[in-house]
Amino acid sequence: MSVGAAALLAAGSAAAEGPRYTYVDLGYVNLDFDDIAGIGADGDGFNVGGSVAVTAPVHLFAGYTDADVDVDDFGFGDIGVDYTRPQG
């Protein structure tokens, strides 16, 4: 069996279990503002976030983004609770 076929079988069995809401997410942010209100600015930064399943339909999530832009530095976060209604 090829590696690709094995990966497709593994992905198919994972999809059959349904979505999972416990994860950690890391990322890079690249900003390019082209002449917004007469200001052109570029910058970069990072983001980190994640989610934890509490019960099957409920999970908690949080995240934070920090960026250094030519005109200013900023950071913002989010936190919340999500309910996913079962389909069907």
Protein backbone atom coordinates (compact mmCIF):
# COMPACT_ATOMS: atom_id res chain seq x y z
CA MET A 1 0.00 0.00 0.00
CA SER A 2 1.37 3.40 -0.88
CA VAL A 3 1.96 6.11 1.71
CA GLY A 4 -0.70 8.30 0.04
CA ALA A 5 -3.32 5.55 0.22
CA ALA A 6 -2.50 4.91 3.88
CA ALA A 7 -2.85 8.63 4.63
CA LEU A 8 -6.25 8.75 2.89
CA LEU A 9 -7.46 5.75 4.88
CA ALA A 10 -6.31 7.33 8.14
CA ALA A 11 -7.98 10.64 7.25
CA GLY A 12 -11.20 8.85 6.34
CA SER A 13 -11.35 7.00 9.65
CA ALA A 14 -10.64 10.23 11.56
CA ALA A 15 -13.42 12.02 9.67
CA ALA A 16 -15.85 9.24 10.56
CA GLU A 17 -15.26 9.96 14.26
CA GLY A 18 -16.38 13.56 13.80
CA PRO A 19 -14.60 16.82 14.54
CA ARG A 20 -12.27 17.19 17.49
CA TYR A 21 -12.24 20.46 19.41
CA THR A 22 -9.07 20.05 21.49
CA TYR A 23 -6.08 21.59 19.71
CA VAL A 24 -3.24 24.13 19.88
CA ASP A 25 -2.62 26.54 17.01
CA LEU A 26 0.56 28.56 16.32
CA GLY A 27 0.99 30.94 13.42
CA TYR A 28 2.92 33.72 11.77
CA VAL A 29 1.19 37.01 10.89
CA ASN A 30 2.32 39.08 7.89
CA LEU A 31 0.61 42.48 7.54
CA ASP A 32 0.68 44.71 4.47
CA PHE A 33 -1.54 47.78 4.64
CA ASP A 34 -1.56 49.60 1.32
CA ASP A 35 -2.47 53.24 1.78
CA ILE A 36 -5.34 52.97 4.25
CA ALA A 37 -6.42 56.49 5.23
CA GLY A 38 -3.22 57.83 3.70
CA ILE A 39 -1.00 55.48 5.70
CA GLY A 40 0.94 52.58 4.22
CA ALA A 41 2.43 50.19 6.77
CA ASP A 42 3.93 46.73 6.94
CA GLY A 43 4.62 44.43 9.83
CA ASP A 44 4.71 40.93 11.20
CA GLY A 45 4.05 39.01 14.36
CA PHE A 46 2.68 35.77 15.75
CA ASN A 47 -0.52 34.22 16.97
CA VAL A 48 -1.21 31.40 19.39
CA GLY A 49 -4.51 29.85 20.29
CA GLY A 50 -6.27 26.70 21.22
CA SER A 51 -9.42 24.97 22.22
CA VAL A 52 -10.42 22.38 24.83
CA ALA A 53 -13.46 20.14 24.53
CA VAL A 54 -15.53 20.22 27.72
CA THR A 55 -18.29 17.87 26.55
CA ALA A 56 -19.25 16.57 23.11
CA PRO A 57 -21.04 19.76 21.99
CA VAL A 58 -19.22 22.36 24.17
CA HIS A 59 -15.65 23.64 23.94
CA LEU A 60 -13.68 26.58 25.33
CA PHE A 61 -11.32 28.56 23.11
CA ALA A 62 -8.75 31.34 23.51
CA GLY A 63 -6.17 33.05 21.36
CA TYR A 64 -3.71 35.91 21.25
CA THR A 65 -2.12 37.83 18.37
CA ASP A 66 0.84 40.19 18.70
CA ALA A 67 2.20 42.24 15.78
CA ASP A 68 4.82 44.93 15.22
CA VAL A 69 3.70 47.32 12.49
CA ASP A 70 5.64 50.31 11.12
CA VAL A 71 3.25 52.83 12.67
CA ASP A 72 2.43 51.01 15.95
CA ASP A 73 2.62 47.73 17.84
CA PHE A 74 -0.53 45.95 18.89
CA GLY A 75 -1.83 42.83 20.52
CA PHE A 76 -5.31 41.45 20.95
CA GLY A 77 -6.90 38.34 22.32
CA ASP A 78 -10.12 36.43 22.27
CA ILE A 79 -11.73 33.98 24.64
CA GLY A 80 -15.05 32.22 24.51
CA VAL A 81 -17.33 29.24 24.78
CA ASP A 82 -18.80 27.52 21.74
CA TYR A 83 -21.72 25.13 21.44
CA THR A 84 -21.92 22.93 18.35
CA ARG A 85 -25.42 21.70 17.70
CA PRO A 86 -25.45 18.07 16.54
CA GLN A 87 -26.56 17.66 12.94
CA GLY A 88 -29.24 15.30 11.87
